[in-house]
Amino acid sequence: MYKLIKPFLFKIEPEKAHGLTIDALKTLQKFPVLFPVVDKLFTYKNPTLSQTIQGNTYDNPIGLAAGFDKSCEVPKALEHLGFGALELGGITPKPCI
């Protein structure tokens, strides 16, 4: 999927690409029946990737950094993109060490 949209997204301004991506994820959230399809496309489960850090267990070591979804508009859609962790919004409730 990324190979298909990369040429398009890399030809437009980063903020515009970000906005289009958020809009696409908002649309996805309106149709939760599509979540299993998205899971199939983007989720990779392998127990060797799982890790526990400070008592938290993650399915894989790839996380989405804070700042992508600053207003926490698309949390349900992001849950289905295969990340091991999500940091949503602009701030965290506890300091990161």
PDB file of N, CA and C in Angstrom:
ATOM      1  N   MET A   1       0.824  -1.187   0.000  1.00  0.00           N
ATOM      2  CA  MET A   1       0.000   0.000   0.000  1.00  0.00           C
ATOM      3  C   MET A   1       0.878   1.265   0.000  1.00  0.00           C
ATOM      4  N   TYR A   2       1.904   1.261   0.868  1.00  0.00           N
ATOM      5  CA  TYR A   2       2.797   2.416   0.956  1.00  0.00           C
ATOM      6  C   TYR A   2       3.464   2.692  -0.385  1.00  0.00           C
ATOM      7  N   LYS A   3       3.855   1.633  -1.088  1.00  0.00           N
ATOM      8  CA  LYS A   3       4.505   1.806  -2.384  1.00  0.00           C
ATOM      9  C   LYS A   3       3.579   2.493  -3.384  1.00  0.00           C
ATOM     10  N   LEU A   4       2.282   2.288  -3.228  1.00  0.00           N
ATOM     11  CA  LEU A   4       1.320   2.910  -4.140  1.00  0.00           C
ATOM     12  C   LEU A   4       1.134   4.396  -3.865  1.00  0.00           C
ATOM     13  N   ILE A   5       1.080   4.766  -2.579  1.00  0.00           N
ATOM     14  CA  ILE A   5       0.779   6.166  -2.255  1.00  0.00           C
ATOM     15  C   ILE A   5       2.020   7.033  -2.055  1.00  0.00           C
ATOM     16  N   LYS A   6       3.191   6.418  -1.834  1.00  0.00           N
ATOM     17  CA  LYS A   6       4.415   7.191  -1.598  1.00  0.00           C
ATOM     18  C   LYS A   6       4.708   8.198  -2.710  1.00  0.00           C
ATOM     19  N   PRO A   7       4.687   7.814  -3.991  1.00  0.00           N
ATOM     20  CA  PRO A   7       4.998   8.798  -5.037  1.00  0.00           C
ATOM     21  C   PRO A   7       4.056  10.004  -5.008  1.00  0.00           C
ATOM     22  N   PHE A   8       2.792   9.766  -4.711  1.00  0.00           N
ATOM     23  CA  PHE A   8       1.818  10.860  -4.639  1.00  0.00           C
ATOM     24  C   PHE A   8       2.100  11.753  -3.433  1.00  0.00           C
ATOM     25  N   LEU A   9       2.262  11.145  -2.261  1.00  0.00           N
ATOM     26  CA  LEU A   9       2.458  11.922  -1.039  1.00  0.00           C
ATOM     27  C   LEU A   9       3.765  12.707  -1.043  1.00  0.00           C
ATOM     28  N   PHE A  10       4.811  12.188  -1.667  1.00  0.00           N
ATOM     29  CA  PHE A  10       6.103  12.861  -1.663  1.00  0.00           C
ATOM     30  C   PHE A  10       6.173  14.015  -2.663  1.00  0.00           C
ATOM     31  N   LYS A  11       5.146  14.186  -3.479  1.00  0.00           N
ATOM     32  CA  LYS A  11       5.123  15.301  -4.432  1.00  0.00           C
ATOM     33  C   LYS A  11       4.366  16.511  -3.897  1.00  0.00           C
ATOM     34  N   ILE A  12       3.740  16.377  -2.734  1.00  0.00           N
ATOM     35  CA  ILE A  12       2.985  17.496  -2.174  1.00  0.00           C
ATOM     36  C   ILE A  12       3.631  17.957  -0.867  1.00  0.00           C
ATOM     37  N   GLU A  13       3.238  19.143  -0.419  1.00  0.00           N
ATOM     38  CA  GLU A  13       3.774  19.703   0.818  1.00  0.00           C
ATOM     39  C   GLU A  13       3.548  18.748   1.984  1.00  0.00           C
ATOM     40  N   PRO A  14       4.505  18.654   2.905  1.00  0.00           N
ATOM     41  CA  PRO A  14       4.343  17.749   4.045  1.00  0.00           C
ATOM     42  C   PRO A  14       3.065  17.997   4.852  1.00  0.00           C
ATOM     43  N   GLU A  15       2.738  19.261   5.118  1.00  0.00           N
ATOM     44  CA  GLU A  15       1.521  19.554   5.890  1.00  0.00           C
ATOM     45  C   GLU A  15       0.265  19.136   5.141  1.00  0.00           C
ATOM     46  N   LYS A  16       0.274  19.304   3.833  1.00  0.00           N
ATOM     47  CA  LYS A  16      -0.858  18.881   3.005  1.00  0.00           C
ATOM     48  C   LYS A  16      -0.988  17.356   3.037  1.00  0.00           C
ATOM     49  N   ALA A  17       0.142  16.650   2.910  1.00  0.00           N
ATOM     50  CA  ALA A  17       0.137  15.183   2.968  1.00  0.00           C
ATOM     51  C   ALA A  17      -0.369  14.707   4.328  1.00  0.00           C
ATOM     52  N   HIS A  18       0.068  15.387   5.383  1.00  0.00           N
ATOM     53  CA  HIS A  18      -0.382  15.048   6.735  1.00  0.00           C
ATOM     54  C   HIS A  18      -1.893  15.229   6.847  1.00  0.00           C
ATOM     55  N   GLY A  19      -2.393  16.347   6.351  1.00  0.00           N
ATOM     56  CA  GLY A  19      -3.833  16.614   6.387  1.00  0.00           C
ATOM     57  C   GLY A  19      -4.636  15.586   5.602  1.00  0.00           C
ATOM     58  N   LEU A  20      -4.145  15.218   4.428  1.00  0.00           N
ATOM     59  CA  LEU A  20      -4.833  14.205   3.618  1.00  0.00           C
ATOM     60  C   LEU A  20      -4.854  12.853   4.326  1.00  0.00           C
ATOM     61  N   THR A  21      -3.757  12.529   4.989  1.00  0.00           N
ATOM     62  CA  THR A  21      -3.689  11.258   5.714  1.00  0.00           C
ATOM     63  C   THR A  21      -4.668  11.250   6.882  1.00  0.00           C
ATOM     64  N   ILE A  22      -4.712  12.336   7.646  1.00  0.00           N
ATOM     65  CA  ILE A  22      -5.673  12.433   8.759  1.00  0.00           C
ATOM     66  C   ILE A  22      -7.099  12.335   8.223  1.00  0.00           C
ATOM     67  N   ASP A  23      -7.391  13.018   7.120  1.00  0.00           N
ATOM     68  CA  ASP A  23      -8.733  12.943   6.521  1.00  0.00           C
ATOM     69  C   ASP A  23      -9.081  11.515   6.103  1.00  0.00           C
ATOM     70  N   ALA A  24      -8.120  10.808   5.524  1.00  0.00           N
ATOM     71  CA  ALA A  24      -8.359   9.417   5.118  1.00  0.00           C
ATOM     72  C   ALA A  24      -8.637   8.544   6.341  1.00  0.00           C
ATOM     73  N   LEU A  25      -7.897   8.778   7.424  1.00  0.00           N
ATOM     74  CA  LEU A  25      -8.117   8.001   8.644  1.00  0.00           C
ATOM     75  C   LEU A  25      -9.458   8.343   9.295  1.00  0.00           C
ATOM     76  N   LYS A  26      -9.886   9.600   9.204  1.00  0.00           N
ATOM     77  CA  LYS A  26     -11.222   9.976   9.703  1.00  0.00           C
ATOM     78  C   LYS A  26     -12.299   9.225   8.935  1.00  0.00           C
ATOM     79  N   THR A  27     -12.121   9.131   7.631  1.00  0.00           N
ATOM     80  CA  THR A  27     -13.077   8.393   6.798  1.00  0.00           C
ATOM     81  C   THR A  27     -13.093   6.925   7.199  1.00  0.00           C
ATOM     82  N   LEU A  28     -11.927   6.350   7.412  1.00  0.00           N
ATOM     83  CA  LEU A  28     -11.846   4.953   7.837  1.00  0.00           C
ATOM     84  C   LEU A  28     -12.605   4.735   9.146  1.00  0.00           C
ATOM     85  N   GLN A  29     -12.470   5.661  10.087  1.00  0.00           N
ATOM     86  CA  GLN A  29     -13.155   5.524  11.377  1.00  0.00           C
ATOM     87  C   GLN A  29     -14.669   5.497  11.234  1.00  0.00           C
ATOM     88  N   LYS A  30     -15.186   6.105  10.189  1.00  0.00           N
ATOM     89  CA  LYS A  30     -16.641   6.114   9.967  1.00  0.00           C
ATOM     90  C   LYS A  30     -17.153   4.761   9.488  1.00  0.00           C
ATOM     91  N   PHE A  31     -16.235   3.901   9.058  1.00  0.00           N
ATOM     92  CA  PHE A  31     -16.610   2.583   8.532  1.00  0.00           C
ATOM     93  C   PHE A  31     -15.827   1.489   9.263  1.00  0.00           C
ATOM     94  N   PRO A  32     -16.134   1.268  10.544  1.00  0.00           N
ATOM     95  CA  PRO A  32     -15.375   0.277  11.317  1.00  0.00           C
ATOM     96  C   PRO A  32     -15.437  -1.138  10.747  1.00  0.00           C
ATOM     97  N   VAL A  33     -16.398  -1.380   9.859  1.00  0.00           N
ATOM     98  CA  VAL A  33     -16.466  -2.688   9.210  1.00  0.00           C
ATOM     99  C   VAL A  33     -15.191  -2.962   8.403  1.00  0.00           C
ATOM    100  N   LEU A  34     -14.454  -1.901   8.048  1.00  0.00           N
ATOM    101  CA  LEU A  34     -13.205  -2.045   7.286  1.00  0.00           C
ATOM    102  C   LEU A  34     -11.986  -2.348   8.160  1.00  0.00           C
ATOM    103  N   PHE A  35     -12.125  -2.233   9.486  1.00  0.00           N
ATOM    104  CA  PHE A  35     -10.980  -2.454  10.368  1.00  0.00           C
ATOM    105  C   PHE A  35     -10.328  -3.827  10.181  1.00  0.00           C
ATOM    106  N   PRO A  36     -11.101  -4.913  10.029  1.00  0.00           N
ATOM    107  CA  PRO A  36     -10.445  -6.216   9.800  1.00  0.00           C
ATOM    108  C   PRO A  36      -9.595  -6.247   8.524  1.00  0.00           C
ATOM    109  N   VAL A  37     -10.033  -5.535   7.497  1.00  0.00           N
ATOM    110  CA  VAL A  37      -9.257  -5.473   6.248  1.00  0.00           C
ATOM    111  C   VAL A  37      -7.951  -4.718   6.495  1.00  0.00           C
ATOM    112  N   VAL A  38      -8.042  -3.599   7.205  1.00  0.00           N
ATOM    113  CA  VAL A  38      -6.852  -2.803   7.515  1.00  0.00           C
ATOM    114  C   VAL A  38      -5.901  -3.612   8.398  1.00  0.00           C
ATOM    115  N   ASP A  39      -6.463  -4.332   9.383  1.00  0.00           N
ATOM    116  CA  ASP A  39      -5.633  -5.200  10.229  1.00  0.00           C
ATOM    117  C   ASP A  39      -4.853  -6.197   9.377  1.00  0.00           C
ATOM    118  N   LYS A  40      -5.540  -6.807   8.445  1.00  0.00           N
ATOM    119  CA  LYS A  40      -4.913  -7.818   7.581  1.00  0.00           C
ATOM    120  C   LYS A  40      -3.772  -7.202   6.757  1.00  0.00           C
ATOM    121  N   LEU A  41      -3.956  -5.968   6.296  1.00  0.00           N
ATOM    122  CA  LEU A  41      -2.948  -5.303   5.471  1.00  0.00           C
ATOM    123  C   LEU A  41      -1.730  -4.821   6.264  1.00  0.00           C
ATOM    124  N   PHE A  42      -1.952  -4.340   7.487  1.00  0.00           N
ATOM    125  CA  PHE A  42      -0.888  -3.628   8.191  1.00  0.00           C
ATOM    126  C   PHE A  42      -0.362  -4.289   9.461  1.00  0.00           C
ATOM    127  N   THR A  43      -1.079  -5.255  10.024  1.00  0.00           N
ATOM    128  CA  THR A  43      -0.649  -5.845  11.284  1.00  0.00           C
ATOM    129  C   THR A  43       0.197  -7.083  11.035  1.00  0.00           C
ATOM    130  N   TYR A  44       1.339  -7.127  11.705  1.00  0.00           N
ATOM    131  CA  TYR A  44       2.239  -8.273  11.614  1.00  0.00           C
ATOM    132  C   TYR A  44       2.468  -8.784  13.031  1.00  0.00           C
ATOM    133  N   LYS A  45       2.014  -9.972  13.306  1.00  0.00           N
ATOM    134  CA  LYS A  45       2.161 -10.554  14.642  1.00  0.00           C
ATOM    135  C   LYS A  45       3.279 -11.590  14.629  1.00  0.00           C
ATOM    136  N   ASN A  46       4.240 -11.395  15.496  1.00  0.00           N
ATOM    137  CA  ASN A  46       5.314 -12.358  15.673  1.00  0.00           C
ATOM    138  C   ASN A  46       5.770 -12.248  17.126  1.00  0.00           C
ATOM    139  N   PRO A  47       5.654 -13.323  17.901  1.00  0.00           N
ATOM    140  CA  PRO A  47       5.987 -13.249  19.324  1.00  0.00           C
ATOM    141  C   PRO A  47       7.426 -12.814  19.606  1.00  0.00           C
ATOM    142  N   THR A  48       8.327 -13.010  18.669  1.00  0.00           N
ATOM    143  CA  THR A  48       9.714 -12.592  18.909  1.00  0.00           C
ATOM    144  C   THR A  48       9.858 -11.067  18.919  1.00  0.00           C
ATOM    145  N   LEU A  49       8.877 -10.359  18.384  1.00  0.00           N
ATOM    146  CA  LEU A  49       8.920  -8.892  18.388  1.00  0.00           C
ATOM    147  C   LEU A  49       8.370  -8.299  19.678  1.00  0.00           C
ATOM    148  N   SER A  50       7.601  -9.078  20.419  1.00  0.00           N
ATOM    149  CA  SER A  50       6.981  -8.601  21.652  1.00  0.00           C
ATOM    150  C   SER A  50       8.046  -8.286  22.695  1.00  0.00           C
ATOM    151  N   GLN A  51       7.823  -7.204  23.440  1.00  0.00           N
ATOM    152  CA  GLN A  51       8.745  -6.848  24.506  1.00  0.00           C
ATOM    153  C   GLN A  51       8.011  -6.148  25.637  1.00  0.00           C
ATOM    154  N   THR A  52       8.541  -6.293  26.838  1.00  0.00           N
ATOM    155  CA  THR A  52       7.972  -5.642  28.010  1.00  0.00           C
ATOM    156  C   THR A  52       8.980  -4.622  28.517  1.00  0.00           C
ATOM    157  N   ILE A  53       8.517  -3.381  28.639  1.00  0.00           N
ATOM    158  CA  ILE A  53       9.367  -2.283  29.098  1.00  0.00           C
ATOM    159  C   ILE A  53       8.645  -1.591  30.242  1.00  0.00           C
ATOM    160  N   GLN A  54       9.266  -1.529  31.390  1.00  0.00           N
ATOM    161  CA  GLN A  54       8.700  -0.911  32.587  1.00  0.00           C
ATOM    162  C   GLN A  54       7.275  -1.409  32.856  1.00  0.00           C
ATOM    163  N   GLY A  55       7.068  -2.704  32.711  1.00  0.00           N
ATOM    164  CA  GLY A  55       5.772  -3.304  33.012  1.00  0.00           C
ATOM    165  C   GLY A  55       4.739  -3.213  31.909  1.00  0.00           C
ATOM    166  N   ASN A  56       5.057  -2.553  30.816  1.00  0.00           N
ATOM    167  CA  ASN A  56       4.139  -2.447  29.676  1.00  0.00           C
ATOM    168  C   ASN A  56       4.590  -3.398  28.579  1.00  0.00           C
ATOM    169  N   THR A  57       3.655  -4.205  28.071  1.00  0.00           N
ATOM    170  CA  THR A  57       3.979  -5.153  27.010  1.00  0.00           C
ATOM    171  C   THR A  57       3.526  -4.596  25.668  1.00  0.00           C
ATOM    172  N   TYR A  58       4.421  -4.650  24.692  1.00  0.00           N
ATOM    173  CA  TYR A  58       4.163  -4.150  23.344  1.00  0.00           C
ATOM    174  C   TYR A  58       4.278  -5.304  22.353  1.00  0.00           C
ATOM    175  N   ASP A  59       3.363  -5.357  21.383  1.00  0.00           N
ATOM    176  CA  ASP A  59       3.390  -6.422  20.378  1.00  0.00           C
ATOM    177  C   ASP A  59       4.611  -6.337  19.470  1.00  0.00           C
ATOM    178  N   ASN A  60       5.097  -5.111  19.250  1.00  0.00           N
ATOM    179  CA  ASN A  60       6.285  -4.921  18.416  1.00  0.00           C
ATOM    180  C   ASN A  60       6.975  -3.623  18.827  1.00  0.00           C
ATOM    181  N   PRO A  61       8.209  -3.407  18.407  1.00  0.00           N
ATOM    182  CA  PRO A  61       8.962  -2.235  18.852  1.00  0.00           C
ATOM    183  C   PRO A  61       8.712  -0.954  18.055  1.00  0.00           C
ATOM    184  N   ILE A  62       7.762  -0.967  17.150  1.00  0.00           N
ATOM    185  CA  ILE A  62       7.503   0.216  16.321  1.00  0.00           C
ATOM    186  C   ILE A  62       6.342   1.014  16.910  1.00  0.00           C
ATOM    187  N   GLY A  63       6.618   2.255  17.289  1.00  0.00           N
ATOM    188  CA  GLY A  63       5.586   3.116  17.854  1.00  0.00           C
ATOM    189  C   GLY A  63       5.379   4.354  17.006  1.00  0.00           C
ATOM    190  N   LEU A  64       4.186   4.909  17.095  1.00  0.00           N
ATOM    191  CA  LEU A  64       3.890   6.169  16.409  1.00  0.00           C
ATOM    192  C   LEU A  64       4.154   7.299  17.393  1.00  0.00           C
ATOM    193  N   ALA A  65       5.036   8.201  17.035  1.00  0.00           N
ATOM    194  CA  ALA A  65       5.454   9.276  17.931  1.00  0.00           C
ATOM    195  C   ALA A  65       4.363  10.323  18.121  1.00  0.00           C
ATOM    196  N   ALA A  66       4.478  11.040  19.220  1.00  0.00           N
ATOM    197  CA  ALA A  66       3.566  12.151  19.491  1.00  0.00           C
ATOM    198  C   ALA A  66       3.690  13.175  18.374  1.00  0.00           C
ATOM    199  N   GLY A  67       2.593  13.831  18.068  1.00  0.00           N
ATOM    200  CA  GLY A  67       2.616  14.878  17.058  1.00  0.00           C
ATOM    201  C   GLY A  67       1.918  14.513  15.773  1.00  0.00           C
ATOM    202  N   PHE A  68       1.776  13.232  15.475  1.00  0.00           N
ATOM    203  CA  PHE A  68       1.084  12.867  14.242  1.00  0.00           C
ATOM    204  C   PHE A  68      -0.401  13.189  14.349  1.00  0.00           C
ATOM    205  N   ASP A  69      -1.020  12.796  15.444  1.00  0.00           N
ATOM    206  CA  ASP A  69      -2.441  13.067  15.669  1.00  0.00           C
ATOM    207  C   ASP A  69      -2.556  13.980  16.886  1.00  0.00           C
ATOM    208  N   LYS A  70      -2.160  15.231  16.711  1.00  0.00           N
ATOM    209  CA  LYS A  70      -2.065  16.194  17.808  1.00  0.00           C
ATOM    210  C   LYS A  70      -3.376  16.417  18.545  1.00  0.00           C
ATOM    211  N   SER A  71      -4.489  16.342  17.836  1.00  0.00           N
ATOM    212  CA  SER A  71      -5.800  16.590  18.444  1.00  0.00           C
ATOM    213  C   SER A  71      -6.535  15.301  18.793  1.00  0.00           C
ATOM    214  N   CYS A  72      -5.870  14.190  18.661  1.00  0.00           N
ATOM    215  CA  CYS A  72      -6.444  12.876  18.967  1.00  0.00           C
ATOM    216  C   CYS A  72      -7.765  12.670  18.217  1.00  0.00           C
ATOM    217  N   GLU A  73      -7.709  12.878  16.909  1.00  0.00           N
ATOM    218  CA  GLU A  73      -8.900  12.778  16.063  1.00  0.00           C
ATOM    219  C   GLU A  73      -9.133  11.384  15.494  1.00  0.00           C
ATOM    220  N   VAL A  74      -8.078  10.589  15.371  1.00  0.00           N
ATOM    221  CA  VAL A  74      -8.220   9.295  14.688  1.00  0.00           C
ATOM    222  C   VAL A  74      -7.628   8.121  15.487  1.00  0.00           C
ATOM    223  N   PRO A  75      -7.902   8.053  16.790  1.00  0.00           N
ATOM    224  CA  PRO A  75      -7.280   6.979  17.577  1.00  0.00           C
ATOM    225  C   PRO A  75      -7.716   5.580  17.156  1.00  0.00           C
ATOM    226  N   LYS A  76      -8.990   5.399  16.852  1.00  0.00           N
ATOM    227  CA  LYS A  76      -9.485   4.066  16.473  1.00  0.00           C
ATOM    228  C   LYS A  76      -8.852   3.586  15.171  1.00  0.00           C
ATOM    229  N   ALA A  77      -8.711   4.467  14.211  1.00  0.00           N
ATOM    230  CA  ALA A  77      -8.088   4.084  12.938  1.00  0.00           C
ATOM    231  C   ALA A  77      -6.618   3.730  13.152  1.00  0.00           C
ATOM    232  N   LEU A  78      -5.910   4.516  13.961  1.00  0.00           N
ATOM    233  CA  LEU A  78      -4.487   4.268  14.190  1.00  0.00           C
ATOM    234  C   LEU A  78      -4.239   2.938  14.896  1.00  0.00           C
ATOM    235  N   GLU A  79      -5.191   2.512  15.728  1.00  0.00           N
ATOM    236  CA  GLU A  79      -5.057   1.227  16.425  1.00  0.00           C
ATOM    237  C   GLU A  79      -4.926   0.058  15.454  1.00  0.00           C
ATOM    238  N   HIS A  80      -5.390   0.233  14.243  1.00  0.00           N
ATOM    239  CA  HIS A  80      -5.421  -0.860  13.272  1.00  0.00           C
ATOM    240  C   HIS A  80      -4.288  -0.797  12.244  1.00  0.00           C
ATOM    241  N   LEU A  81      -3.309   0.074  12.460  1.00  0.00           N
ATOM    242  CA  LEU A  81      -2.218   0.210  11.492  1.00  0.00           C
ATOM    243  C   LEU A  81      -0.960  -0.560  11.874  1.00  0.00           C
ATOM    244  N   GLY A  82      -1.026  -1.372  12.924  1.00  0.00           N
ATOM    245  CA  GLY A  82       0.072  -2.268  13.243  1.00  0.00           C
ATOM    246  C   GLY A  82       1.159  -1.733  14.157  1.00  0.00           C
ATOM    247  N   PHE A  83       0.967  -0.559  14.739  1.00  0.00           N
ATOM    248  CA  PHE A  83       1.976  -0.018  15.645  1.00  0.00           C
ATOM    249  C   PHE A  83       1.959  -0.769  16.972  1.00  0.00           C
ATOM    250  N   GLY A  84       3.124  -0.892  17.595  1.00  0.00           N
ATOM    251  CA  GLY A  84       3.206  -1.506  18.910  1.00  0.00           C
ATOM    252  C   GLY A  84       2.763  -0.549  20.000  1.00  0.00           C
ATOM    253  N   ALA A  85       2.859   0.749  19.735  1.00  0.00           N
ATOM    254  CA  ALA A  85       2.463   1.773  20.697  1.00  0.00           C
ATOM    255  C   ALA A  85       2.043   3.029  19.943  1.00  0.00           C
ATOM    256  N   LEU A  86       1.136   3.771  20.556  1.00  0.00           N
ATOM    257  CA  LEU A  86       0.680   5.044  19.990  1.00  0.00           C
ATOM    258  C   LEU A  86       0.825   6.123  21.047  1.00  0.00           C
ATOM    259  N   GLU A  87       1.343   7.267  20.669  1.00  0.00           N
ATOM    260  CA  GLU A  87       1.380   8.440  21.538  1.00  0.00           C
ATOM    261  C   GLU A  87       0.528   9.491  20.849  1.00  0.00           C
ATOM    262  N   LEU A  88      -0.657   9.716  21.388  1.00  0.00           N
ATOM    263  CA  LEU A  88      -1.612  10.616  20.739  1.00  0.00           C
ATOM    264  C   LEU A  88      -1.704  11.936  21.480  1.00  0.00           C
ATOM    265  N   GLY A  89      -2.068  12.976  20.771  1.00  0.00           N
ATOM    266  CA  GLY A  89      -2.202  14.289  21.362  1.00  0.00           C
ATOM    267  C   GLY A  89      -0.873  15.022  21.393  1.00  0.00           C
ATOM    268  N   GLY A  90      -0.894  16.181  22.016  1.00  0.00           N
ATOM    269  CA  GLY A  90       0.298  17.017  22.046  1.00  0.00           C
ATOM    270  C   GLY A  90       1.112  16.888  23.319  1.00  0.00           C
ATOM    271  N   ILE A  91       0.502  16.344  24.395  1.00  0.00           N
ATOM    272  CA  ILE A  91       1.209  16.195  25.663  1.00  0.00           C
ATOM    273  C   ILE A  91       0.939  14.805  26.229  1.00  0.00           C
ATOM    274  N   THR A  92       1.752  14.401  27.189  1.00  0.00           N
ATOM    275  CA  THR A  92       1.547  13.117  27.850  1.00  0.00           C
ATOM    276  C   THR A  92       1.121  13.365  29.294  1.00  0.00           C
ATOM    277  N   PRO A  93       0.350  12.450  29.882  1.00  0.00           N
ATOM    278  CA  PRO A  93      -0.100  12.662  31.254  1.00  0.00           C
ATOM    279  C   PRO A  93       1.027  12.534  32.278  1.00  0.00           C
ATOM    280  N   LYS A  94       2.076  11.783  31.931  1.00  0.00           N
ATOM    281  CA  LYS A  94       3.205  11.593  32.836  1.00  0.00           C
ATOM    282  C   LYS A  94       4.489  11.937  32.088  1.00  0.00           C
ATOM    283  N   PRO A  95       5.504  12.404  32.799  1.00  0.00           N
ATOM    284  CA  PRO A  95       6.770  12.692  32.119  1.00  0.00           C
ATOM    285  C   PRO A  95       7.395  11.424  31.556  1.00  0.00           C
ATOM    286  N   CYS A  96       8.020  11.546  30.395  1.00  0.00           N
ATOM    287  CA  CYS A  96       8.719  10.413  29.781  1.00  0.00           C
ATOM    288  C   CYS A  96      10.154  10.399  30.272  1.00  0.00           C
ATOM    289  N   ILE A  97      10.594   9.248  30.687  1.00  0.00           N
ATOM    290  CA  ILE A  97      11.966   9.126  31.209  1.00  0.00           C
ATOM    291  C   ILE A  97      12.807   8.370  30.213  1.00  0.00           C
TER     292      ILE A  97
END
